Amino acid sequence: MSREGSSAGKVKVGEEVEIVGFRRYQKTVVTGVEMFKKQLDEGMAGDNAGLLLRGIAKEDVERGMVLAKPGSDHAAHEVQGGDLRSVEG
């Protein structure tokens, strides 16, 4: 799970998303949204939430990558990512 700050839109559990960055695109599904150790059905713009992504390891996500709706214009959005384990101990 990674910690991300949203800059636009919203993401719902079960929604297909695309991770974009550093010359690679990966499609996946959001299987969980967590904020302050509470499970949510969706994350909104401005939320500092953790997202659980199907088939994506924490090593696959780096600072500057973008989480976007498949086929949308991703270049204008930036995601700040970090490892929850390093923050929560």
PDB file of N, CA and C in Angstrom:
ATOM      1  N   MET A   1       0.841  -1.163   0.000  1.00  0.00           N
ATOM      2  CA  MET A   1       0.000   0.000   0.000  1.00  0.00           C
ATOM      3  C   MET A   1       0.890   1.230   0.000  1.00  0.00           C
ATOM      4  N   SER A   2       0.487   2.250  -0.706  1.00  0.00           N
ATOM      5  CA  SER A   2       1.274   3.476  -0.732  1.00  0.00           C
ATOM      6  C   SER A   2       0.424   4.653  -0.300  1.00  0.00           C
ATOM      7  N   ARG A   3       1.078   5.673   0.199  1.00  0.00           N
ATOM      8  CA  ARG A   3       0.380   6.882   0.630  1.00  0.00           C
ATOM      9  C   ARG A   3       0.454   7.878  -0.512  1.00  0.00           C
ATOM     10  N   GLU A   4      -0.686   8.446  -0.875  1.00  0.00           N
ATOM     11  CA  GLU A   4      -0.732   9.335  -2.020  1.00  0.00           C
ATOM     12  C   GLU A   4      -1.614  10.532  -1.740  1.00  0.00           C
ATOM     13  N   GLY A   5      -1.246  11.676  -2.261  1.00  0.00           N
ATOM     14  CA  GLY A   5      -2.062  12.882  -2.151  1.00  0.00           C
ATOM     15  C   GLY A   5      -2.763  13.118  -3.479  1.00  0.00           C
ATOM     16  N   SER A   6      -4.072  13.166  -3.477  1.00  0.00           N
ATOM     17  CA  SER A   6      -4.836  13.342  -4.703  1.00  0.00           C
ATOM     18  C   SER A   6      -4.819  14.788  -5.144  1.00  0.00           C
ATOM     19  N   SER A   7      -4.756  15.019  -6.461  1.00  0.00           N
ATOM     20  CA  SER A   7      -4.798  16.385  -6.955  1.00  0.00           C
ATOM     21  C   SER A   7      -6.075  16.664  -7.737  1.00  0.00           C
ATOM     22  N   ALA A   8      -6.789  15.646  -8.194  1.00  0.00           N
ATOM     23  CA  ALA A   8      -8.025  15.869  -8.944  1.00  0.00           C
ATOM     24  C   ALA A   8      -8.851  14.597  -8.964  1.00  0.00           C
ATOM     25  N   GLY A   9     -10.190  14.740  -8.930  1.00  0.00           N
ATOM     26  CA  GLY A   9     -11.081  13.609  -9.096  1.00  0.00           C
ATOM     27  C   GLY A   9     -11.278  12.778  -7.850  1.00  0.00           C
ATOM     28  N   LYS A  10     -11.717  11.525  -8.083  1.00  0.00           N
ATOM     29  CA  LYS A  10     -11.909  10.587  -6.986  1.00  0.00           C
ATOM     30  C   LYS A  10     -11.652   9.183  -7.490  1.00  0.00           C
ATOM     31  N   VAL A  11     -11.421   8.283  -6.554  1.00  0.00           N
ATOM     32  CA  VAL A  11     -11.183   6.886  -6.878  1.00  0.00           C
ATOM     33  C   VAL A  11     -12.047   6.040  -5.956  1.00  0.00           C
ATOM     34  N   LYS A  12     -12.677   5.006  -6.528  1.00  0.00           N
ATOM     35  CA  LYS A  12     -13.556   4.133  -5.765  1.00  0.00           C
ATOM     36  C   LYS A  12     -12.983   2.719  -5.723  1.00  0.00           C
ATOM     37  N   VAL A  13     -13.316   1.998  -4.657  1.00  0.00           N
ATOM     38  CA  VAL A  13     -12.923   0.595  -4.543  1.00  0.00           C
ATOM     39  C   VAL A  13     -13.588  -0.171  -5.690  1.00  0.00           C
ATOM     40  N   GLY A  14     -12.815  -1.016  -6.364  1.00  0.00           N
ATOM     41  CA  GLY A  14     -13.316  -1.801  -7.486  1.00  0.00           C
ATOM     42  C   GLY A  14     -13.109  -1.135  -8.833  1.00  0.00           C
ATOM     43  N   GLU A  15     -12.665   0.105  -8.842  1.00  0.00           N
ATOM     44  CA  GLU A  15     -12.462   0.855 -10.078  1.00  0.00           C
ATOM     45  C   GLU A  15     -11.129   0.493 -10.729  1.00  0.00           C
ATOM     46  N   GLU A  16     -11.139   0.360 -12.055  1.00  0.00           N
ATOM     47  CA  GLU A  16      -9.899   0.116 -12.788  1.00  0.00           C
ATOM     48  C   GLU A  16      -9.154   1.428 -12.944  1.00  0.00           C
ATOM     49  N   VAL A  17      -7.850   1.399 -12.688  1.00  0.00           N
ATOM     50  CA  VAL A  17      -7.002   2.587 -12.802  1.00  0.00           C
ATOM     51  C   VAL A  17      -5.731   2.220 -13.548  1.00  0.00           C
ATOM     52  N   GLU A  18      -4.993   3.235 -13.918  1.00  0.00           N
ATOM     53  CA  GLU A  18      -3.734   3.051 -14.627  1.00  0.00           C
ATOM     54  C   GLU A  18      -2.650   3.791 -13.853  1.00  0.00           C
ATOM     55  N   ILE A  19      -1.516   3.128 -13.636  1.00  0.00           N
ATOM     56  CA  ILE A  19      -0.359   3.766 -13.013  1.00  0.00           C
ATOM     57  C   ILE A  19       0.577   4.161 -14.143  1.00  0.00           C
ATOM     58  N   VAL A  20       0.914   5.439 -14.199  1.00  0.00           N
ATOM     59  CA  VAL A  20       1.704   5.968 -15.305  1.00  0.00           C
ATOM     60  C   VAL A  20       2.959   6.623 -14.759  1.00  0.00           C
ATOM     61  N   GLY A  21       4.078   6.365 -15.410  1.00  0.00           N
ATOM     62  CA  GLY A  21       5.306   7.052 -15.030  1.00  0.00           C
ATOM     63  C   GLY A  21       6.538   6.317 -15.466  1.00  0.00           C
ATOM     64  N   PHE A  22       7.555   7.085 -15.796  1.00  0.00           N
ATOM     65  CA  PHE A  22       8.878   6.534 -16.121  1.00  0.00           C
ATOM     66  C   PHE A  22       8.816   5.490 -17.231  1.00  0.00           C
ATOM     67  N   ARG A  23       8.117   5.870 -18.308  1.00  0.00           N
ATOM     68  CA  ARG A  23       8.019   5.058 -19.533  1.00  0.00           C
ATOM     69  C   ARG A  23       7.298   3.727 -19.365  1.00  0.00           C
ATOM     70  N   ARG A  24       6.451   3.585 -18.343  1.00  0.00           N
ATOM     71  CA  ARG A  24       5.679   2.343 -18.229  1.00  0.00           C
ATOM     72  C   ARG A  24       4.260   2.664 -17.780  1.00  0.00           C
ATOM     73  N   TYR A  25       3.347   1.849 -18.244  1.00  0.00           N
ATOM     74  CA  TYR A  25       1.940   1.963 -17.907  1.00  0.00           C
ATOM     75  C   TYR A  25       1.497   0.624 -17.345  1.00  0.00           C
ATOM     76  N   GLN A  26       0.801   0.643 -16.218  1.00  0.00           N
ATOM     77  CA  GLN A  26       0.303  -0.587 -15.617  1.00  0.00           C
ATOM     78  C   GLN A  26      -1.164  -0.395 -15.280  1.00  0.00           C
ATOM     79  N   LYS A  27      -2.006  -1.309 -15.742  1.00  0.00           N
ATOM     80  CA  LYS A  27      -3.413  -1.269 -15.369  1.00  0.00           C
ATOM     81  C   LYS A  27      -3.619  -2.156 -14.154  1.00  0.00           C
ATOM     82  N   THR A  28      -4.476  -1.696 -13.246  1.00  0.00           N
ATOM     83  CA  THR A  28      -4.768  -2.449 -12.039  1.00  0.00           C
ATOM     84  C   THR A  28      -6.143  -2.044 -11.526  1.00  0.00           C
ATOM     85  N   VAL A  29      -6.553  -2.650 -10.422  1.00  0.00           N
ATOM     86  CA  VAL A  29      -7.850  -2.360  -9.806  1.00  0.00           C
ATOM     87  C   VAL A  29      -7.607  -1.930  -8.363  1.00  0.00           C
ATOM     88  N   VAL A  30      -8.322  -0.903  -7.927  1.00  0.00           N
ATOM     89  CA  VAL A  30      -8.246  -0.443  -6.544  1.00  0.00           C
ATOM     90  C   VAL A  30      -9.056  -1.418  -5.690  1.00  0.00           C
ATOM     91  N   THR A  31      -8.383  -2.104  -4.768  1.00  0.00           N
ATOM     92  CA  THR A  31      -9.078  -3.066  -3.906  1.00  0.00           C
ATOM     93  C   THR A  31      -9.309  -2.530  -2.508  1.00  0.00           C
ATOM     94  N   GLY A  32      -8.761  -1.352  -2.199  1.00  0.00           N
ATOM     95  CA  GLY A  32      -8.987  -0.753  -0.890  1.00  0.00           C
ATOM     96  C   GLY A  32      -8.527   0.688  -0.835  1.00  0.00           C
ATOM     97  N   VAL A  33      -9.257   1.487  -0.054  1.00  0.00           N
ATOM     98  CA  VAL A  33      -8.885   2.872   0.225  1.00  0.00           C
ATOM     99  C   VAL A  33      -8.903   3.027   1.740  1.00  0.00           C
ATOM    100  N   GLU A  34      -7.808   3.533   2.304  1.00  0.00           N
ATOM    101  CA  GLU A  34      -7.690   3.664   3.754  1.00  0.00           C
ATOM    102  C   GLU A  34      -7.177   5.055   4.101  1.00  0.00           C
ATOM    103  N   MET A  35      -7.811   5.661   5.116  1.00  0.00           N
ATOM    104  CA  MET A  35      -7.357   6.956   5.592  1.00  0.00           C
ATOM    105  C   MET A  35      -7.455   6.960   7.113  1.00  0.00           C
ATOM    106  N   PHE A  36      -6.349   7.265   7.777  1.00  0.00           N
ATOM    107  CA  PHE A  36      -6.279   7.273   9.233  1.00  0.00           C
ATOM    108  C   PHE A  36      -6.776   5.950   9.826  1.00  0.00           C
ATOM    109  N   LYS A  37      -6.301   4.846   9.233  1.00  0.00           N
ATOM    110  CA  LYS A  37      -6.601   3.477   9.665  1.00  0.00           C
ATOM    111  C   LYS A  37      -8.085   3.122   9.590  1.00  0.00           C
ATOM    112  N   LYS A  38      -8.839   3.800   8.719  1.00  0.00           N
ATOM    113  CA  LYS A  38     -10.251   3.494   8.492  1.00  0.00           C
ATOM    114  C   LYS A  38     -10.448   3.144   7.028  1.00  0.00           C
ATOM    115  N   GLN A  39     -11.199   2.074   6.774  1.00  0.00           N
ATOM    116  CA  GLN A  39     -11.505   1.659   5.412  1.00  0.00           C
ATOM    117  C   GLN A  39     -12.591   2.557   4.835  1.00  0.00           C
ATOM    118  N   LEU A  40     -12.379   3.025   3.600  1.00  0.00           N
ATOM    119  CA  LEU A  40     -13.341   3.888   2.918  1.00  0.00           C
ATOM    120  C   LEU A  40     -13.783   3.243   1.614  1.00  0.00           C
ATOM    121  N   ASP A  41     -14.916   3.705   1.089  1.00  0.00           N
ATOM    122  CA  ASP A  41     -15.403   3.232  -0.208  1.00  0.00           C
ATOM    123  C   ASP A  41     -14.783   4.001  -1.359  1.00  0.00           C
ATOM    124  N   GLU A  42     -14.316   5.233  -1.071  1.00  0.00           N
ATOM    125  CA  GLU A  42     -13.702   6.048  -2.118  1.00  0.00           C
ATOM    126  C   GLU A  42     -12.752   7.062  -1.503  1.00  0.00           C
ATOM    127  N   GLY A  43     -11.831   7.542  -2.324  1.00  0.00           N
ATOM    128  CA  GLY A  43     -10.924   8.609  -1.942  1.00  0.00           C
ATOM    129  C   GLY A  43     -11.200   9.815  -2.815  1.00  0.00           C
ATOM    130  N   MET A  44     -11.172  11.004  -2.224  1.00  0.00           N
ATOM    131  CA  MET A  44     -11.489  12.237  -2.943  1.00  0.00           C
ATOM    132  C   MET A  44     -10.217  13.076  -3.127  1.00  0.00           C
ATOM    133  N   ALA A  45     -10.285  14.020  -4.048  1.00  0.00           N
ATOM    134  CA  ALA A  45      -9.174  14.937  -4.275  1.00  0.00           C
ATOM    135  C   ALA A  45      -8.823  15.641  -2.970  1.00  0.00           C
ATOM    136  N   GLY A  46      -7.545  15.710  -2.665  1.00  0.00           N
ATOM    137  CA  GLY A  46      -7.070  16.343  -1.443  1.00  0.00           C
ATOM    138  C   GLY A  46      -6.881  15.384  -0.289  1.00  0.00           C
ATOM    139  N   ASP A  47      -7.436  14.173  -0.376  1.00  0.00           N
ATOM    140  CA  ASP A  47      -7.272  13.176   0.686  1.00  0.00           C
ATOM    141  C   ASP A  47      -5.838  12.662   0.707  1.00  0.00           C
ATOM    142  N   ASN A  48      -5.322  12.432   1.891  1.00  0.00           N
ATOM    143  CA  ASN A  48      -4.038  11.760   2.058  1.00  0.00           C
ATOM    144  C   ASN A  48      -4.379  10.327   2.443  1.00  0.00           C
ATOM    145  N   ALA A  49      -4.549   9.473   1.448  1.00  0.00           N
ATOM    146  CA  ALA A  49      -5.079   8.126   1.654  1.00  0.00           C
ATOM    147  C   ALA A  49      -4.096   7.072   1.181  1.00  0.00           C
ATOM    148  N   GLY A  50      -4.215   5.879   1.761  1.00  0.00           N
ATOM    149  CA  GLY A  50      -3.471   4.720   1.296  1.00  0.00           C
ATOM    150  C   GLY A  50      -4.351   3.926   0.355  1.00  0.00           C
ATOM    151  N   LEU A  51      -3.797   3.487  -0.770  1.00  0.00           N
ATOM    152  CA  LEU A  51      -4.551   2.713  -1.746  1.00  0.00           C
ATOM    153  C   LEU A  51      -3.943   1.330  -1.877  1.00  0.00           C
ATOM    154  N   LEU A  52      -4.795   0.319  -1.843  1.00  0.00           N
ATOM    155  CA  LEU A  52      -4.370  -1.044  -2.089  1.00  0.00           C
ATOM    156  C   LEU A  52      -4.697  -1.355  -3.540  1.00  0.00           C
ATOM    157  N   LEU A  53      -3.664  -1.709  -4.309  1.00  0.00           N
ATOM    158  CA  LEU A  53      -3.814  -1.934  -5.740  1.00  0.00           C
ATOM    159  C   LEU A  53      -3.501  -3.385  -6.068  1.00  0.00           C
ATOM    160  N   ARG A  54      -4.404  -4.049  -6.762  1.00  0.00           N
ATOM    161  CA  ARG A  54      -4.259  -5.467  -7.093  1.00  0.00           C
ATOM    162  C   ARG A  54      -3.022  -5.713  -7.964  1.00  0.00           C
ATOM    163  N   GLY A  55      -2.152  -6.607  -7.501  1.00  0.00           N
ATOM    164  CA  GLY A  55      -0.991  -7.024  -8.276  1.00  0.00           C
ATOM    165  C   GLY A  55       0.157  -6.030  -8.315  1.00  0.00           C
ATOM    166  N   ILE A  56       0.109  -4.981  -7.504  1.00  0.00           N
ATOM    167  CA  ILE A  56       1.159  -3.963  -7.510  1.00  0.00           C
ATOM    168  C   ILE A  56       1.900  -4.016  -6.179  1.00  0.00           C
ATOM    169  N   ALA A  57       3.199  -4.256  -6.252  1.00  0.00           N
ATOM    170  CA  ALA A  57       4.045  -4.270  -5.052  1.00  0.00           C
ATOM    171  C   ALA A  57       4.531  -2.855  -4.773  1.00  0.00           C
ATOM    172  N   LYS A  58       4.919  -2.599  -3.527  1.00  0.00           N
ATOM    173  CA  LYS A  58       5.385  -1.251  -3.177  1.00  0.00           C
ATOM    174  C   LYS A  58       6.623  -0.863  -3.979  1.00  0.00           C
ATOM    175  N   GLU A  59       7.415  -1.832  -4.409  1.00  0.00           N
ATOM    176  CA  GLU A  59       8.604  -1.558  -5.214  1.00  0.00           C
ATOM    177  C   GLU A  59       8.241  -1.076  -6.615  1.00  0.00           C
ATOM    178  N   ASP A  60       7.002  -1.319  -7.048  1.00  0.00           N
ATOM    179  CA  ASP A  60       6.560  -0.921  -8.387  1.00  0.00           C
ATOM    180  C   ASP A  60       6.115   0.536  -8.457  1.00  0.00           C
ATOM    181  N   VAL A  61       5.971   1.193  -7.297  1.00  0.00           N
ATOM    182  CA  VAL A  61       5.474   2.568  -7.248  1.00  0.00           C
ATOM    183  C   VAL A  61       6.581   3.492  -6.759  1.00  0.00           C
ATOM    184  N   GLU A  62       6.788   4.599  -7.494  1.00  0.00           N
ATOM    185  CA  GLU A  62       7.818   5.559  -7.142  1.00  0.00           C
ATOM    186  C   GLU A  62       7.234   6.966  -7.112  1.00  0.00           C
ATOM    187  N   ARG A  63       7.894   7.844  -6.393  1.00  0.00           N
ATOM    188  CA  ARG A  63       7.468   9.245  -6.335  1.00  0.00           C
ATOM    189  C   ARG A  63       7.403   9.816  -7.744  1.00  0.00           C
ATOM    190  N   GLY A  64       6.343  10.562  -8.015  1.00  0.00           N
ATOM    191  CA  GLY A  64       6.175  11.181  -9.318  1.00  0.00           C
ATOM    192  C   GLY A  64       5.293  10.395 -10.261  1.00  0.00           C
ATOM    193  N   MET A  65       4.963   9.151  -9.930  1.00  0.00           N
ATOM    194  CA  MET A  65       4.056   8.367 -10.764  1.00  0.00           C
ATOM    195  C   MET A  65       2.634   8.874 -10.572  1.00  0.00           C
ATOM    196  N   VAL A  66       1.779   8.602 -11.547  1.00  0.00           N
ATOM    197  CA  VAL A  66       0.416   9.111 -11.560  1.00  0.00           C
ATOM    198  C   VAL A  66      -0.569   7.949 -11.563  1.00  0.00           C
ATOM    199  N   LEU A  67      -1.624   8.093 -10.774  1.00  0.00           N
ATOM    200  CA  LEU A  67      -2.726   7.140 -10.771  1.00  0.00           C
ATOM    201  C   LEU A  67      -3.881   7.821 -11.488  1.00  0.00           C
ATOM    202  N   ALA A  68      -4.356   7.237 -12.595  1.00  0.00           N
ATOM    203  CA  ALA A  68      -5.349   7.917 -13.429  1.00  0.00           C
ATOM    204  C   ALA A  68      -6.374   6.936 -13.982  1.00  0.00           C
ATOM    205  N   LYS A  69      -7.479   7.486 -14.434  1.00  0.00           N
ATOM    206  CA  LYS A  69      -8.489   6.701 -15.129  1.00  0.00           C
ATOM    207  C   LYS A  69      -7.875   6.238 -16.449  1.00  0.00           C
ATOM    208  N   PRO A  70      -8.059   4.961 -16.830  1.00  0.00           N
ATOM    209  CA  PRO A  70      -7.461   4.477 -18.073  1.00  0.00           C
ATOM    210  C   PRO A  70      -7.876   5.320 -19.279  1.00  0.00           C
ATOM    211  N   GLY A  71      -6.877   5.708 -20.066  1.00  0.00           N
ATOM    212  CA  GLY A  71      -7.122   6.476 -21.277  1.00  0.00           C
ATOM    213  C   GLY A  71      -7.228   7.974 -21.079  1.00  0.00           C
ATOM    214  N   SER A  72      -7.085   8.461 -19.842  1.00  0.00           N
ATOM    215  CA  SER A  72      -7.194   9.903 -19.601  1.00  0.00           C
ATOM    216  C   SER A  72      -5.836  10.580 -19.785  1.00  0.00           C
ATOM    217  N   ASP A  73      -5.847  11.919 -19.749  1.00  0.00           N
ATOM    218  CA  ASP A  73      -4.615  12.697 -19.871  1.00  0.00           C
ATOM    219  C   ASP A  73      -3.958  12.769 -18.497  1.00  0.00           C
ATOM    220  N   HIS A  74      -2.808  12.119 -18.320  1.00  0.00           N
ATOM    221  CA  HIS A  74      -2.179  12.006 -17.009  1.00  0.00           C
ATOM    222  C   HIS A  74      -1.084  13.022 -16.767  1.00  0.00           C
ATOM    223  N   ALA A  75      -0.611  13.691 -17.780  1.00  0.00           N
ATOM    224  CA  ALA A  75       0.598  14.512 -17.662  1.00  0.00           C
ATOM    225  C   ALA A  75       0.454  15.669 -16.677  1.00  0.00           C
ATOM    226  N   ALA A  76      -0.743  16.166 -16.450  1.00  0.00           N
ATOM    227  CA  ALA A  76      -0.920  17.347 -15.609  1.00  0.00           C
ATOM    228  C   ALA A  76      -0.958  17.029 -14.122  1.00  0.00           C
ATOM    229  N   HIS A  77      -1.000  15.770 -13.742  1.00  0.00           N
ATOM    230  CA  HIS A  77      -1.162  15.388 -12.341  1.00  0.00           C
ATOM    231  C   HIS A  77       0.080  14.681 -11.821  1.00  0.00           C
ATOM    232  N   GLU A  78       0.431  14.957 -10.579  1.00  0.00           N
ATOM    233  CA  GLU A  78       1.583  14.321  -9.946  1.00  0.00           C
ATOM    234  C   GLU A  78       1.160  13.756  -8.601  1.00  0.00           C
ATOM    235  N   VAL A  79       1.662  12.584  -8.278  1.00  0.00           N
ATOM    236  CA  VAL A  79       1.330  11.920  -7.026  1.00  0.00           C
ATOM    237  C   VAL A  79       2.583  11.835  -6.178  1.00  0.00           C
ATOM    238  N   GLN A  80       2.464  12.167  -4.904  1.00  0.00           N
ATOM    239  CA  GLN A  80       3.576  12.011  -3.987  1.00  0.00           C
ATOM    240  C   GLN A  80       3.364  10.702  -3.251  1.00  0.00           C
ATOM    241  N   GLY A  81       4.279   9.759  -3.414  1.00  0.00           N
ATOM    242  CA  GLY A  81       4.107   8.440  -2.816  1.00  0.00           C
ATOM    243  C   GLY A  81       5.153   8.149  -1.768  1.00  0.00           C
ATOM    244  N   GLY A  82       4.792   7.312  -0.827  1.00  0.00           N
ATOM    245  CA  GLY A  82       5.703   6.854   0.207  1.00  0.00           C
ATOM    246  C   GLY A  82       5.201   5.530   0.740  1.00  0.00           C
ATOM    247  N   ASP A  83       5.995   4.864   1.488  1.00  0.00           N
ATOM    248  CA  ASP A  83       5.637   3.565   2.042  1.00  0.00           C
ATOM    249  C   ASP A  83       4.989   3.750   3.401  1.00  0.00           C
ATOM    250  N   LEU A  84       3.788   3.206   3.583  1.00  0.00           N
ATOM    251  CA  LEU A  84       3.091   3.340   4.861  1.00  0.00           C
ATOM    252  C   LEU A  84       3.892   2.711   6.001  1.00  0.00           C
ATOM    253  N   ARG A  85       4.580   1.631   5.723  1.00  0.00           N
ATOM    254  CA  ARG A  85       5.334   0.960   6.791  1.00  0.00           C
ATOM    255  C   ARG A  85       6.420   1.856   7.371  1.00  0.00           C
ATOM    256  N   SER A  86       7.043   2.670   6.532  1.00  0.00           N
ATOM    257  CA  SER A  86       8.096   3.559   7.036  1.00  0.00           C
ATOM    258  C   SER A  86       7.511   4.686   7.874  1.00  0.00           C
ATOM    259  N   VAL A  87       6.275   5.066   7.648  1.00  0.00           N
ATOM    260  CA  VAL A  87       5.636   6.142   8.405  1.00  0.00           C
ATOM    261  C   VAL A  87       5.039   5.607   9.698  1.00  0.00           C
ATOM    262  N   GLU A  88       4.368   4.451   9.621  1.00  0.00           N
ATOM    263  CA  GLU A  88       3.659   3.912  10.774  1.00  0.00           C
ATOM    264  C   GLU A  88       4.494   3.009  11.643  1.00  0.00           C
ATOM    265  N   GLY A  89       5.680   2.639  11.171  1.00  0.00           N
ATOM    266  CA  GLY A  89       6.577   1.807  11.960  1.00  0.00           C
ATOM    267  C   GLY A  89       6.205   0.402  11.868  1.00  0.00           C
TER     268      GLY A  89
END
